Amino acid sequence: MNLRFVRTSSQKRALSRTGSFTISNFLAAVQDCVRFAFAAIAHRPHVSHITTAFGLSFVKNSVCVAVARLLGSRVLLHPHCSYSVLYTERSRLWQSYFRQVIRLTQGVVALSREWCSLGSIISGCQVFELPNALNLTQYRDAAIRHMAAERNGGALRVLYLGYLGRAKGSFDLIEAAAELRLKSVDVSIDLVGDELTPGELESIKERIQALGLSESVRVHSFAVGSAKACFLREADIFAYPSHHEGMPMAVLEAMACALPIVATSVGGLPDIVHQGINGLLVPAGRPAEIASALYNLCLDGDLRSTMGRNAYQIAREKYDIENRVEQLVEIYHAAVA
């Protein structure tokens, strides 16, 4: 099998501006589509595997879908976002456009089970479930440390990795921290990432200051490599209070590090966080319930340890990237069958 990667997204934009409709993003999208078209003309792929997200990303990649079909390629569309944010919560006009794009494809590669209902909306649409996966070896040291119950003492550390903003539950987690303080729980929270939309980072810092949480809730810039590994290694609990999600890599990374998870029951999160097994699920937008879940884990070291071990086991059994290669090849064969 001959694979060729074509980049269809700019790596120069600030994360907070990705997916929004601006002139600069529009011009970058045109360049991305032209780059894809030239690659498709040059290589004439049997299958074009096109990833997408919401907003401008979907519009741009729908053009790539049309180009691929015009050139005789079969297309698999791979959304890296939740079904609700890309379809069910959108306008009727957008939903109609979405359905027309999907009908041009040979199927949808889905991160989670929530996408399976697509077949009932678009007759004949094939949905191939392919959850995210990762190379577990780079998280082994952190996992060993957590499963050995090695702690340096002091406040328990709760970690969040990802975009920061209202839609990601950042303000909910801050309000939960205030409730934990009222319960005299010795806990610190690290929010690590860039703002989701311009201005939200400043609002987050202002809210932390207003609640008097500057000593226990800290905001850090986007972290990769050894910096991210350090955060994961030092954490005791991983929190992911997002209001909508596909299947976040950050949660899989935390599981691979043997961390217990507190997350919202949205998108693909219930597929990877099993209630009472490797974490606790709460409704989105409920700070009091986030606080309650964190409180239970903070007070029960045995529960944290058990859930962390279960998280690692689930990551090893279901989300090791080595186990996904054959599955992806089978999906490609199905697309051309």
C-alpha atoms as a PDB file:
ATOM      1  CA  MET A   1       0.000   0.000   0.000  1.00  0.00           C
ATOM      2  CA  ASN A   2       1.397   3.387  -1.065  1.00  0.00           C
ATOM      3  CA  LEU A   3       0.453   6.185   1.335  1.00  0.00           C
ATOM      4  CA  ARG A   4       1.003   9.888   0.720  1.00  0.00           C
ATOM      5  CA  PHE A   5       0.279  12.658   3.229  1.00  0.00           C
ATOM      6  CA  VAL A   6      -0.939  16.055   2.009  1.00  0.00           C
ATOM      7  CA  ARG A   7      -1.228  18.841   4.576  1.00  0.00           C
ATOM      8  CA  THR A   8      -4.523  20.707   4.242  1.00  0.00           C
ATOM      9  CA  SER A   9      -4.259  22.947   7.284  1.00  0.00           C
ATOM     10  CA  SER A  10      -1.886  25.791   8.044  1.00  0.00           C
ATOM     11  CA  GLN A  11       0.441  25.348  11.004  1.00  0.00           C
ATOM     12  CA  LYS A  12       1.093  29.107  11.225  1.00  0.00           C
ATOM     13  CA  ARG A  13      -2.268  30.219  12.664  1.00  0.00           C
ATOM     14  CA  ALA A  14      -2.790  30.763  16.370  1.00  0.00           C
ATOM     15  CA  LEU A  15      -4.885  27.919  17.760  1.00  0.00           C
ATOM     16  CA  SER A  16      -7.576  30.386  18.854  1.00  0.00           C
ATOM     17  CA  ARG A  17      -8.132  31.451  15.208  1.00  0.00           C
ATOM     18  CA  THR A  18      -8.317  27.998  13.681  1.00  0.00           C
ATOM     19  CA  GLY A  19     -11.690  27.175  12.098  1.00  0.00           C
ATOM     20  CA  SER A  20     -13.090  30.711  12.224  1.00  0.00           C
ATOM     21  CA  PHE A  21     -14.261  32.619   9.140  1.00  0.00           C
ATOM     22  CA  THR A  22     -11.654  35.356   8.598  1.00  0.00           C
ATOM     23  CA  ILE A  23     -10.032  36.704   5.439  1.00  0.00           C
ATOM     24  CA  SER A  24      -6.644  35.240   6.353  1.00  0.00           C
ATOM     25  CA  ASN A  25      -8.189  31.851   7.095  1.00  0.00           C
ATOM     26  CA  PHE A  26     -10.139  31.971   3.830  1.00  0.00           C
ATOM     27  CA  LEU A  27      -6.981  32.662   1.830  1.00  0.00           C
ATOM     28  CA  ALA A  28      -5.149  29.888   3.666  1.00  0.00           C
ATOM     29  CA  ALA A  29      -8.062  27.529   2.934  1.00  0.00           C
ATOM     30  CA  VAL A  30      -7.849  28.322  -0.784  1.00  0.00           C
ATOM     31  CA  GLN A  31      -4.136  27.499  -0.710  1.00  0.00           C
ATOM     32  CA  ASP A  32      -4.859  24.244   1.123  1.00  0.00           C
ATOM     33  CA  CYS A  33      -7.449  23.208  -1.459  1.00  0.00           C
ATOM     34  CA  VAL A  34      -5.106  24.027  -4.347  1.00  0.00           C
ATOM     35  CA  ARG A  35      -2.316  22.020  -2.694  1.00  0.00           C
ATOM     36  CA  PHE A  36      -4.661  19.063  -2.319  1.00  0.00           C
ATOM     37  CA  ALA A  37      -5.890  19.337  -5.912  1.00  0.00           C
ATOM     38  CA  PHE A  38      -2.359  19.322  -7.338  1.00  0.00           C
ATOM     39  CA  ALA A  39      -1.444  16.304  -5.207  1.00  0.00           C
ATOM     40  CA  ALA A  40      -4.589  14.433  -6.253  1.00  0.00           C
ATOM     41  CA  ILE A  41      -3.931  15.171  -9.940  1.00  0.00           C
ATOM     42  CA  ALA A  42      -0.297  14.069  -9.647  1.00  0.00           C
ATOM     43  CA  HIS A  43      -0.900  10.828  -7.756  1.00  0.00           C
ATOM     44  CA  ARG A  44      -4.476   9.805  -8.659  1.00  0.00           C
ATOM     45  CA  PRO A  45      -5.215   7.976  -5.368  1.00  0.00           C
ATOM     46  CA  HIS A  46      -7.672   5.111  -5.253  1.00  0.00           C
ATOM     47  CA  VAL A  47      -8.788   6.359  -1.823  1.00  0.00           C
ATOM     48  CA  SER A  48      -8.625   9.892  -0.427  1.00  0.00           C
ATOM     49  CA  HIS A  49      -8.774   9.840   3.372  1.00  0.00           C
ATOM     50  CA  ILE A  50      -9.751  13.404   4.324  1.00  0.00           C
ATOM     51  CA  THR A  51      -9.841  14.585   7.928  1.00  0.00           C
ATOM     52  CA  THR A  52     -11.998  17.519   8.970  1.00  0.00           C
ATOM     53  CA  ALA A  53     -13.470  19.436  11.884  1.00  0.00           C
ATOM     54  CA  PHE A  54     -16.250  22.003  12.323  1.00  0.00           C
ATOM     55  CA  GLY A  55     -16.571  25.500  10.868  1.00  0.00           C
ATOM     56  CA  LEU A  56     -14.353  26.583   7.986  1.00  0.00           C
ATOM     57  CA  SER A  57     -12.474  23.285   8.205  1.00  0.00           C
ATOM     58  CA  PHE A  58     -15.545  21.349   7.048  1.00  0.00           C
ATOM     59  CA  VAL A  59     -16.294  23.796   4.230  1.00  0.00           C
ATOM     60  CA  LYS A  60     -12.695  23.668   3.024  1.00  0.00           C
ATOM     61  CA  ASN A  61     -12.484  19.895   3.209  1.00  0.00           C
ATOM     62  CA  SER A  62     -15.826  19.480   1.453  1.00  0.00           C
ATOM     63  CA  VAL A  63     -14.127  21.160  -1.534  1.00  0.00           C
ATOM     64  CA  CYS A  64     -11.352  18.570  -1.269  1.00  0.00           C
ATOM     65  CA  VAL A  65     -14.020  15.848  -1.237  1.00  0.00           C
ATOM     66  CA  ALA A  66     -15.526  17.218  -4.456  1.00  0.00           C
ATOM     67  CA  VAL A  67     -12.099  17.502  -6.131  1.00  0.00           C
ATOM     68  CA  ALA A  68     -11.228  13.920  -5.201  1.00  0.00           C
ATOM     69  CA  ARG A  69     -14.528  12.609  -6.569  1.00  0.00           C
ATOM     70  CA  LEU A  70     -14.106  14.552  -9.826  1.00  0.00           C
ATOM     71  CA  LEU A  71     -10.723  12.862 -10.257  1.00  0.00           C
ATOM     72  CA  GLY A  72     -12.220   9.405  -9.752  1.00  0.00           C
ATOM     73  CA  SER A  73     -10.967   8.806  -6.208  1.00  0.00           C
ATOM     74  CA  ARG A  74     -13.097   7.182  -3.562  1.00  0.00           C
ATOM     75  CA  VAL A  75     -13.390   9.293  -0.440  1.00  0.00           C
ATOM     76  CA  LEU A  76     -13.438   8.599   3.275  1.00  0.00           C
ATOM     77  CA  LEU A  77     -14.286  11.601   5.452  1.00  0.00           C
ATOM     78  CA  HIS A  78     -12.825  11.527   8.957  1.00  0.00           C
ATOM     79  CA  PRO A  79     -14.337  14.157  11.340  1.00  0.00           C
ATOM     80  CA  HIS A  80     -12.206  14.945  14.388  1.00  0.00           C
ATOM     81  CA  CYS A  81     -15.005  16.543  16.375  1.00  0.00           C
ATOM     82  CA  SER A  82     -18.314  15.573  17.931  1.00  0.00           C
ATOM     83  CA  TYR A  83     -21.356  14.642  15.873  1.00  0.00           C
ATOM     84  CA  SER A  84     -23.443  17.239  17.710  1.00  0.00           C
ATOM     85  CA  VAL A  85     -21.197  20.216  16.953  1.00  0.00           C
ATOM     86  CA  LEU A  86     -20.848  19.246  13.284  1.00  0.00           C
ATOM     87  CA  TYR A  87     -24.483  18.273  12.634  1.00  0.00           C
ATOM     88  CA  THR A  88     -27.231  18.061  15.262  1.00  0.00           C
ATOM     89  CA  GLU A  89     -26.659  21.516  16.793  1.00  0.00           C
ATOM     90  CA  ARG A  90     -26.380  23.298  13.434  1.00  0.00           C
ATOM     91  CA  SER A  91     -28.993  25.068  11.310  1.00  0.00           C
ATOM     92  CA  ARG A  92     -31.183  23.214   8.821  1.00  0.00           C
ATOM     93  CA  LEU A  93     -29.275  24.811   5.950  1.00  0.00           C
ATOM     94  CA  TRP A  94     -25.960  23.552   7.341  1.00  0.00           C
ATOM     95  CA  GLN A  95     -27.420  20.078   7.984  1.00  0.00           C
ATOM     96  CA  SER A  96     -28.589  19.896   4.380  1.00  0.00           C
ATOM     97  CA  TYR A  97     -25.136  20.915   3.149  1.00  0.00           C
ATOM     98  CA  PHE A  98     -23.518  18.359   5.455  1.00  0.00           C
ATOM     99  CA  ARG A  99     -25.714  15.549   4.096  1.00  0.00           C
ATOM    100  CA  GLN A 100     -24.878  16.469   0.502  1.00  0.00           C
ATOM    101  CA  VAL A 101     -21.155  16.306   1.266  1.00  0.00           C
ATOM    102  CA  ILE A 102     -21.487  12.931   2.995  1.00  0.00           C
ATOM    103  CA  ARG A 103     -23.365  11.529  -0.021  1.00  0.00           C
ATOM    104  CA  LEU A 104     -20.276  12.238  -2.137  1.00  0.00           C
ATOM    105  CA  THR A 105     -18.186   9.922   0.028  1.00  0.00           C
ATOM    106  CA  GLN A 106     -17.829   6.156   0.343  1.00  0.00           C
ATOM    107  CA  GLY A 107     -18.173   6.445   4.087  1.00  0.00           C
ATOM    108  CA  VAL A 108     -17.293   8.218   7.302  1.00  0.00           C
ATOM    109  CA  VAL A 109     -14.437   7.186   9.563  1.00  0.00           C
ATOM    110  CA  ALA A 110     -15.798   7.811  13.054  1.00  0.00           C
ATOM    111  CA  LEU A 111     -13.945   8.388  16.298  1.00  0.00           C
ATOM    112  CA  SER A 112     -16.794   7.207  18.500  1.00  0.00           C
ATOM    113  CA  ARG A 113     -20.132   5.416  18.611  1.00  0.00           C
ATOM    114  CA  GLU A 114     -22.155   8.657  18.545  1.00  0.00           C
ATOM    115  CA  TRP A 115     -21.486   8.792  14.778  1.00  0.00           C
ATOM    116  CA  CYS A 116     -23.192   5.444  14.182  1.00  0.00           C
ATOM    117  CA  SER A 117     -26.585   7.173  13.959  1.00  0.00           C
ATOM    118  CA  LEU A 118     -25.422   8.819  10.735  1.00  0.00           C
ATOM    119  CA  GLY A 119     -26.497   5.736   8.798  1.00  0.00           C
ATOM    120  CA  SER A 120     -30.117   6.316   9.815  1.00  0.00           C
ATOM    121  CA  ILE A 121     -30.020   9.927   8.577  1.00  0.00           C
ATOM    122  CA  ILE A 122     -28.226   9.316   5.282  1.00  0.00           C
ATOM    123  CA  SER A 123     -29.359   6.091   3.644  1.00  0.00           C
ATOM    124  CA  GLY A 124     -26.503   3.840   2.567  1.00  0.00           C
ATOM    125  CA  CYS A 125     -23.831   5.798   4.430  1.00  0.00           C
ATOM    126  CA  GLN A 126     -21.130   3.502   5.757  1.00  0.00           C
ATOM    127  CA  VAL A 127     -19.706   4.367   9.176  1.00  0.00           C
ATOM    128  CA  PHE A 128     -16.338   2.846  10.045  1.00  0.00           C
ATOM    129  CA  GLU A 129     -15.522   3.213  13.730  1.00  0.00           C
ATOM    130  CA  LEU A 130     -11.827   3.954  14.227  1.00  0.00           C
ATOM    131  CA  PRO A 131     -11.064   5.469  17.649  1.00  0.00           C
ATOM    132  CA  ASN A 132      -7.999   7.586  18.192  1.00  0.00           C
ATOM    133  CA  ALA A 133      -4.879   5.740  19.303  1.00  0.00           C
ATOM    134  CA  LEU A 134      -1.383   6.537  20.491  1.00  0.00           C
ATOM    135  CA  ASN A 135       2.103   5.133  20.939  1.00  0.00           C
ATOM    136  CA  LEU A 136       2.035   3.936  24.540  1.00  0.00           C
ATOM    137  CA  THR A 137       5.783   3.588  24.979  1.00  0.00           C
ATOM    138  CA  GLN A 138       6.358   7.328  25.474  1.00  0.00           C
ATOM    139  CA  TYR A 139       4.016   7.328  28.495  1.00  0.00           C
ATOM    140  CA  ARG A 140       5.401   4.227  30.187  1.00  0.00           C
ATOM    141  CA  ASP A 141       7.578   6.021  32.761  1.00  0.00           C
ATOM    142  CA  ALA A 142       4.673   8.129  34.009  1.00  0.00           C
ATOM    143  CA  ALA A 143       2.423   5.064  34.129  1.00  0.00           C
ATOM    144  CA  ILE A 144       4.963   3.101  36.166  1.00  0.00           C
ATOM    145  CA  ARG A 145       5.303   5.971  38.599  1.00  0.00           C
ATOM    146  CA  HIS A 146       1.561   6.384  39.077  1.00  0.00           C
ATOM    147  CA  MET A 147       0.893   2.663  39.445  1.00  0.00           C
ATOM    148  CA  ALA A 148       3.661   2.472  42.036  1.00  0.00           C
ATOM    149  CA  ALA A 149       1.746   5.159  43.984  1.00  0.00           C
ATOM    150  CA  GLU A 150       4.814   7.404  44.139  1.00  0.00           C
ATOM    151  CA  ARG A 151       3.850  10.868  45.391  1.00  0.00           C
ATOM    152  CA  ASN A 152       5.976  13.717  46.640  1.00  0.00           C
ATOM    153  CA  GLY A 153       3.352  14.808  49.149  1.00  0.00           C
ATOM    154  CA  GLY A 154       1.596  18.169  49.263  1.00  0.00           C
ATOM    155  CA  ALA A 155      -1.597  19.146  47.496  1.00  0.00           C
ATOM    156  CA  LEU A 156      -3.129  16.716  45.057  1.00  0.00           C
ATOM    157  CA  ARG A 157      -2.646  17.932  41.511  1.00  0.00           C
ATOM    158  CA  VAL A 158      -5.487  17.992  38.987  1.00  0.00           C
ATOM    159  CA  LEU A 159      -4.427  18.452  35.359  1.00  0.00           C
ATOM    160  CA  TYR A 160      -6.260  19.698  32.285  1.00  0.00           C
ATOM    161  CA  LEU A 161      -4.592  19.666  28.838  1.00  0.00           C
ATOM    162  CA  GLY A 162      -6.215  21.237  25.791  1.00  0.00           C
ATOM    163  CA  TYR A 163      -7.869  24.406  24.566  1.00  0.00           C
ATOM    164  CA  LEU A 164      -8.947  26.831  27.284  1.00  0.00           C
ATOM    165  CA  GLY A 165     -12.361  28.432  27.051  1.00  0.00           C
ATOM    166  CA  ARG A 166     -16.015  28.312  28.010  1.00  0.00           C
ATOM    167  CA  ALA A 167     -16.864  25.530  25.546  1.00  0.00           C
ATOM    168  CA  LYS A 168     -14.039  23.436  26.989  1.00  0.00           C
ATOM    169  CA  GLY A 169     -15.397  23.751  30.526  1.00  0.00           C
ATOM    170  CA  SER A 170     -12.492  25.850  31.820  1.00  0.00           C
ATOM    171  CA  PHE A 171     -14.780  28.162  33.803  1.00  0.00           C
ATOM    172  CA  ASP A 172     -16.653  25.130  35.181  1.00  0.00           C
ATOM    173  CA  LEU A 173     -13.399  23.694  36.479  1.00  0.00           C
ATOM    174  CA  ILE A 174     -12.507  27.032  38.093  1.00  0.00           C
ATOM    175  CA  GLU A 175     -15.905  27.149  39.839  1.00  0.00           C
ATOM    176  CA  ALA A 176     -15.366  23.540  40.966  1.00  0.00           C
ATOM    177  CA  ALA A 177     -12.031  24.588  42.460  1.00  0.00           C
ATOM    178  CA  ALA A 178     -13.832  27.258  44.492  1.00  0.00           C
ATOM    179  CA  GLU A 179     -16.234  24.627  45.845  1.00  0.00           C
ATOM    180  CA  LEU A 180     -13.359  22.322  46.764  1.00  0.00           C
ATOM    181  CA  ARG A 181     -11.754  25.132  48.706  1.00  0.00           C
ATOM    182  CA  LEU A 182     -14.956  25.524  50.735  1.00  0.00           C
ATOM    183  CA  LYS A 183     -14.639  21.828  51.603  1.00  0.00           C
ATOM    184  CA  SER A 184     -11.026  22.388  52.732  1.00  0.00           C
ATOM    185  CA  VAL A 185      -9.621  20.013  50.093  1.00  0.00           C
ATOM    186  CA  ASP A 186      -5.891  20.503  49.526  1.00  0.00           C
ATOM    187  CA  VAL A 187      -5.797  20.466  45.743  1.00  0.00           C
ATOM    188  CA  SER A 188      -4.139  22.445  42.952  1.00  0.00           C
ATOM    189  CA  ILE A 189      -5.327  22.637  39.350  1.00  0.00           C
ATOM    190  CA  ASP A 190      -3.114  23.140  36.300  1.00  0.00           C
ATOM    191  CA  LEU A 191      -4.842  24.452  33.165  1.00  0.00           C
ATOM    192  CA  VAL A 192      -2.463  23.850  30.270  1.00  0.00           C
ATOM    193  CA  GLY A 193      -3.215  25.116  26.768  1.00  0.00           C
ATOM    194  CA  ASP A 194      -3.997  28.030  24.470  1.00  0.00           C
ATOM    195  CA  GLU A 195      -7.270  29.950  24.415  1.00  0.00           C
ATOM    196  CA  LEU A 196     -10.117  28.563  22.332  1.00  0.00           C
ATOM    197  CA  THR A 197     -11.264  31.988  21.141  1.00  0.00           C
ATOM    198  CA  PRO A 198      -9.518  35.366  21.423  1.00  0.00           C
ATOM    199  CA  GLY A 199      -9.985  37.016  24.818  1.00  0.00           C
ATOM    200  CA  GLU A 200     -10.972  33.915  26.768  1.00  0.00           C
ATOM    201  CA  LEU A 201      -7.554  33.421  28.337  1.00  0.00           C
ATOM    202  CA  GLU A 202      -7.719  36.852  29.946  1.00  0.00           C
ATOM    203  CA  SER A 203     -11.265  36.155  31.150  1.00  0.00           C
ATOM    204  CA  ILE A 204     -10.102  32.899  32.716  1.00  0.00           C
ATOM    205  CA  LYS A 205      -7.297  34.646  34.575  1.00  0.00           C
ATOM    206  CA  GLU A 206      -9.678  37.353  35.757  1.00  0.00           C
ATOM    207  CA  ARG A 207     -12.127  34.774  37.101  1.00  0.00           C
ATOM    208  CA  ILE A 208      -9.366  32.942  38.952  1.00  0.00           C
ATOM    209  CA  GLN A 209      -8.283  36.245  40.491  1.00  0.00           C
ATOM    210  CA  ALA A 210     -11.847  37.239  41.404  1.00  0.00           C
ATOM    211  CA  LEU A 211     -12.399  33.966  43.269  1.00  0.00           C
ATOM    212  CA  GLY A 212      -9.088  34.261  45.095  1.00  0.00           C
ATOM    213  CA  LEU A 213      -7.755  31.051  43.539  1.00  0.00           C
ATOM    214  CA  SER A 214      -4.428  32.320  42.230  1.00  0.00           C
ATOM    215  CA  GLU A 215      -2.491  30.032  44.562  1.00  0.00           C
ATOM    216  CA  SER A 216      -4.400  26.854  43.667  1.00  0.00           C
ATOM    217  CA  VAL A 217      -5.397  27.296  40.005  1.00  0.00           C
ATOM    218  CA  ARG A 218      -2.544  27.992  37.613  1.00  0.00           C
ATOM    219  CA  VAL A 219      -2.711  28.693  33.878  1.00  0.00           C
ATOM    220  CA  HIS A 220       0.130  27.486  31.663  1.00  0.00           C
ATOM    221  CA  SER A 221       0.819  27.921  27.961  1.00  0.00           C
ATOM    222  CA  PHE A 222       0.396  25.075  25.471  1.00  0.00           C
ATOM    223  CA  ALA A 223       2.851  22.271  26.282  1.00  0.00           C
ATOM    224  CA  VAL A 224       4.415  19.586  24.093  1.00  0.00           C
ATOM    225  CA  GLY A 225       7.204  17.050  24.421  1.00  0.00           C
ATOM    226  CA  SER A 226       9.049  16.935  27.718  1.00  0.00           C
ATOM    227  CA  ALA A 227       7.022  19.827  29.160  1.00  0.00           C
ATOM    228  CA  LYS A 228       3.759  17.965  28.597  1.00  0.00           C
ATOM    229  CA  ALA A 229       5.291  14.737  29.902  1.00  0.00           C
ATOM    230  CA  CYS A 230       6.262  16.555  33.110  1.00  0.00           C
ATOM    231  CA  PHE A 231       2.694  17.743  33.684  1.00  0.00           C
ATOM    232  CA  LEU A 232       1.360  14.222  33.150  1.00  0.00           C
ATOM    233  CA  ARG A 233       3.984  12.704  35.414  1.00  0.00           C
ATOM    234  CA  GLU A 234       3.296  15.107  38.290  1.00  0.00           C
ATOM    235  CA  ALA A 235      -0.514  14.933  38.098  1.00  0.00           C
ATOM    236  CA  ASP A 236      -2.737  12.828  40.365  1.00  0.00           C
ATOM    237  CA  ILE A 237      -6.065  13.265  38.544  1.00  0.00           C
ATOM    238  CA  PHE A 238      -6.912  14.292  34.990  1.00  0.00           C
ATOM    239  CA  ALA A 239      -9.984  16.487  34.414  1.00  0.00           C
ATOM    240  CA  TYR A 240     -11.676  17.098  31.076  1.00  0.00           C
ATOM    241  CA  PRO A 241     -14.916  19.107  31.526  1.00  0.00           C
ATOM    242  CA  SER A 242     -15.572  19.938  27.858  1.00  0.00           C
ATOM    243  CA  HIS A 243     -19.090  20.748  26.602  1.00  0.00           C
ATOM    244  CA  HIS A 244     -18.595  18.885  23.305  1.00  0.00           C
ATOM    245  CA  GLU A 245     -15.896  16.510  22.085  1.00  0.00           C
ATOM    246  CA  GLY A 246     -14.875  13.913  19.542  1.00  0.00           C
ATOM    247  CA  MET A 247     -12.314  11.659  21.190  1.00  0.00           C
ATOM    248  CA  PRO A 248      -9.680  13.856  22.834  1.00  0.00           C
ATOM    249  CA  MET A 249      -6.103  12.630  22.622  1.00  0.00           C
ATOM    250  CA  ALA A 250      -5.361  14.330  25.939  1.00  0.00           C
ATOM    251  CA  VAL A 251      -7.671  11.921  27.778  1.00  0.00           C
ATOM    252  CA  LEU A 252      -6.065   8.920  26.070  1.00  0.00           C
ATOM    253  CA  GLU A 253      -2.643  10.269  27.036  1.00  0.00           C
ATOM    254  CA  ALA A 254      -3.754  10.608  30.651  1.00  0.00           C
ATOM    255  CA  MET A 255      -5.084   7.035  30.602  1.00  0.00           C
ATOM    256  CA  ALA A 256      -1.786   5.803  29.151  1.00  0.00           C
ATOM    257  CA  CYS A 257      -0.127   7.491  32.160  1.00  0.00           C
ATOM    258  CA  ALA A 258      -2.419   5.575  34.561  1.00  0.00           C
ATOM    259  CA  LEU A 259      -4.327   8.646  35.734  1.00  0.00           C
ATOM    260  CA  PRO A 260      -7.959   8.472  36.933  1.00  0.00           C
ATOM    261  CA  ILE A 261     -10.254  10.647  34.818  1.00  0.00           C
ATOM    262  CA  VAL A 262     -13.036  13.101  35.644  1.00  0.00           C
ATOM    263  CA  ALA A 263     -14.811  14.028  32.404  1.00  0.00           C
ATOM    264  CA  THR A 264     -18.124  15.118  30.988  1.00  0.00           C
ATOM    265  CA  SER A 265     -20.465  12.626  29.347  1.00  0.00           C
ATOM    266  CA  VAL A 266     -20.380  14.220  25.878  1.00  0.00           C
ATOM    267  CA  GLY A 267     -19.306  13.073  22.406  1.00  0.00           C
ATOM    268  CA  GLY A 268     -16.882  10.175  22.460  1.00  0.00           C
ATOM    269  CA  LEU A 269     -15.858  10.575  26.104  1.00  0.00           C
ATOM    270  CA  PRO A 270     -18.252   7.867  27.408  1.00  0.00           C
ATOM    271  CA  ASP A 271     -16.566   5.459  24.958  1.00  0.00           C
ATOM    272  CA  ILE A 272     -13.227   5.801  26.735  1.00  0.00           C
ATOM    273  CA  VAL A 273     -14.156   6.810  30.298  1.00  0.00           C
ATOM    274  CA  HIS A 274     -16.201   4.062  31.917  1.00  0.00           C
ATOM    275  CA  GLN A 275     -18.164   5.244  34.917  1.00  0.00           C
ATOM    276  CA  GLY A 276     -16.674   3.960  38.152  1.00  0.00           C
ATOM    277  CA  ILE A 277     -14.050   1.888  36.314  1.00  0.00           C
ATOM    278  CA  ASN A 278     -11.341   4.237  35.081  1.00  0.00           C
ATOM    279  CA  GLY A 279     -12.997   7.504  35.957  1.00  0.00           C
ATOM    280  CA  LEU A 280     -16.103   9.482  36.806  1.00  0.00           C
ATOM    281  CA  LEU A 281     -18.466  11.049  34.260  1.00  0.00           C
ATOM    282  CA  VAL A 282     -20.533  14.156  34.994  1.00  0.00           C
ATOM    283  CA  PRO A 283     -22.962  16.245  32.925  1.00  0.00           C
ATOM    284  CA  ALA A 284     -21.436  19.146  31.004  1.00  0.00           C
ATOM    285  CA  GLY A 285     -21.737  22.603  32.520  1.00  0.00           C
ATOM    286  CA  ARG A 286     -22.203  21.404  36.106  1.00  0.00           C
ATOM    287  CA  PRO A 287     -19.373  22.745  38.313  1.00  0.00           C
ATOM    288  CA  ALA A 288     -20.919  21.318  41.482  1.00  0.00           C
ATOM    289  CA  GLU A 289     -20.866  17.802  40.038  1.00  0.00           C
ATOM    290  CA  ILE A 290     -17.300  18.238  38.797  1.00  0.00           C
ATOM    291  CA  ALA A 291     -16.358  19.325  42.316  1.00  0.00           C
ATOM    292  CA  SER A 292     -18.128  16.307  43.818  1.00  0.00           C
ATOM    293  CA  ALA A 293     -16.309  13.880  41.519  1.00  0.00           C
ATOM    294  CA  LEU A 294     -12.943  15.480  42.252  1.00  0.00           C
ATOM    295  CA  TYR A 295     -13.735  15.509  45.972  1.00  0.00           C
ATOM    296  CA  ASN A 296     -14.424  11.767  45.969  1.00  0.00           C
ATOM    297  CA  LEU A 297     -11.149  11.023  44.188  1.00  0.00           C
ATOM    298  CA  CYS A 298      -9.128  13.405  46.347  1.00  0.00           C
ATOM    299  CA  LEU A 299     -10.327  11.733  49.533  1.00  0.00           C
ATOM    300  CA  ASP A 300      -9.874   8.144  48.382  1.00  0.00           C
ATOM    301  CA  GLY A 301      -6.319   7.188  47.411  1.00  0.00           C
ATOM    302  CA  ASP A 302      -7.275   3.554  46.828  1.00  0.00           C
ATOM    303  CA  LEU A 303      -9.983   4.635  44.368  1.00  0.00           C
ATOM    304  CA  ARG A 304      -7.506   6.856  42.513  1.00  0.00           C
ATOM    305  CA  SER A 305      -5.029   3.995  42.308  1.00  0.00           C
ATOM    306  CA  THR A 306      -7.601   1.451  41.111  1.00  0.00           C
ATOM    307  CA  MET A 307      -9.054   3.760  38.485  1.00  0.00           C
ATOM    308  CA  GLY A 308      -5.587   4.746  37.301  1.00  0.00           C
ATOM    309  CA  ARG A 309      -4.577   1.119  36.837  1.00  0.00           C
ATOM    310  CA  ASN A 310      -7.828   0.410  35.002  1.00  0.00           C
ATOM    311  CA  ALA A 311      -7.247   3.438  32.774  1.00  0.00           C
ATOM    312  CA  TYR A 312      -3.810   2.163  31.820  1.00  0.00           C
ATOM    313  CA  GLN A 313      -5.160  -1.317  31.105  1.00  0.00           C
ATOM    314  CA  ILE A 314      -7.932   0.048  28.874  1.00  0.00           C
ATOM    315  CA  ALA A 315      -5.440   2.245  26.988  1.00  0.00           C
ATOM    316  CA  ARG A 316      -3.120  -0.714  26.453  1.00  0.00           C
ATOM    317  CA  GLU A 317      -5.876  -3.057  25.268  1.00  0.00           C
ATOM    318  CA  LYS A 318      -7.940  -0.700  23.112  1.00  0.00           C
ATOM    319  CA  TYR A 319      -5.953   2.375  22.123  1.00  0.00           C
ATOM    320  CA  ASP A 320      -2.464   1.189  21.216  1.00  0.00           C
ATOM    321  CA  ILE A 321      -1.734   2.530  17.738  1.00  0.00           C
ATOM    322  CA  GLU A 322      -0.078  -0.728  16.709  1.00  0.00           C
ATOM    323  CA  ASN A 323      -3.475  -2.410  16.927  1.00  0.00           C
ATOM    324  CA  ARG A 324      -5.095   0.115  14.564  1.00  0.00           C
ATOM    325  CA  VAL A 325      -2.968  -0.365  11.445  1.00  0.00           C
ATOM    326  CA  GLU A 326      -4.682  -3.532  10.252  1.00  0.00           C
ATOM    327  CA  GLN A 327      -8.100  -2.036  10.980  1.00  0.00           C
ATOM    328  CA  LEU A 328      -7.326   1.034   8.874  1.00  0.00           C
ATOM    329  CA  VAL A 329      -6.143  -1.127   5.962  1.00  0.00           C
ATOM    330  CA  GLU A 330      -9.411  -3.061   6.132  1.00  0.00           C
ATOM    331  CA  ILE A 331     -11.359   0.215   5.953  1.00  0.00           C
ATOM    332  CA  TYR A 332      -9.429   1.229   2.820  1.00  0.00           C
ATOM    333  CA  HIS A 333     -10.218  -2.134   1.189  1.00  0.00           C
ATOM    334  CA  ALA A 334     -13.887  -1.710   2.069  1.00  0.00           C
ATOM    335  CA  ALA A 335     -13.911   1.730   0.445  1.00  0.00           C
ATOM    336  CA  VAL A 336     -12.743   0.382  -2.908  1.00  0.00           C
ATOM    337  CA  ALA A 337     -14.772  -2.833  -2.805  1.00  0.00           C
END
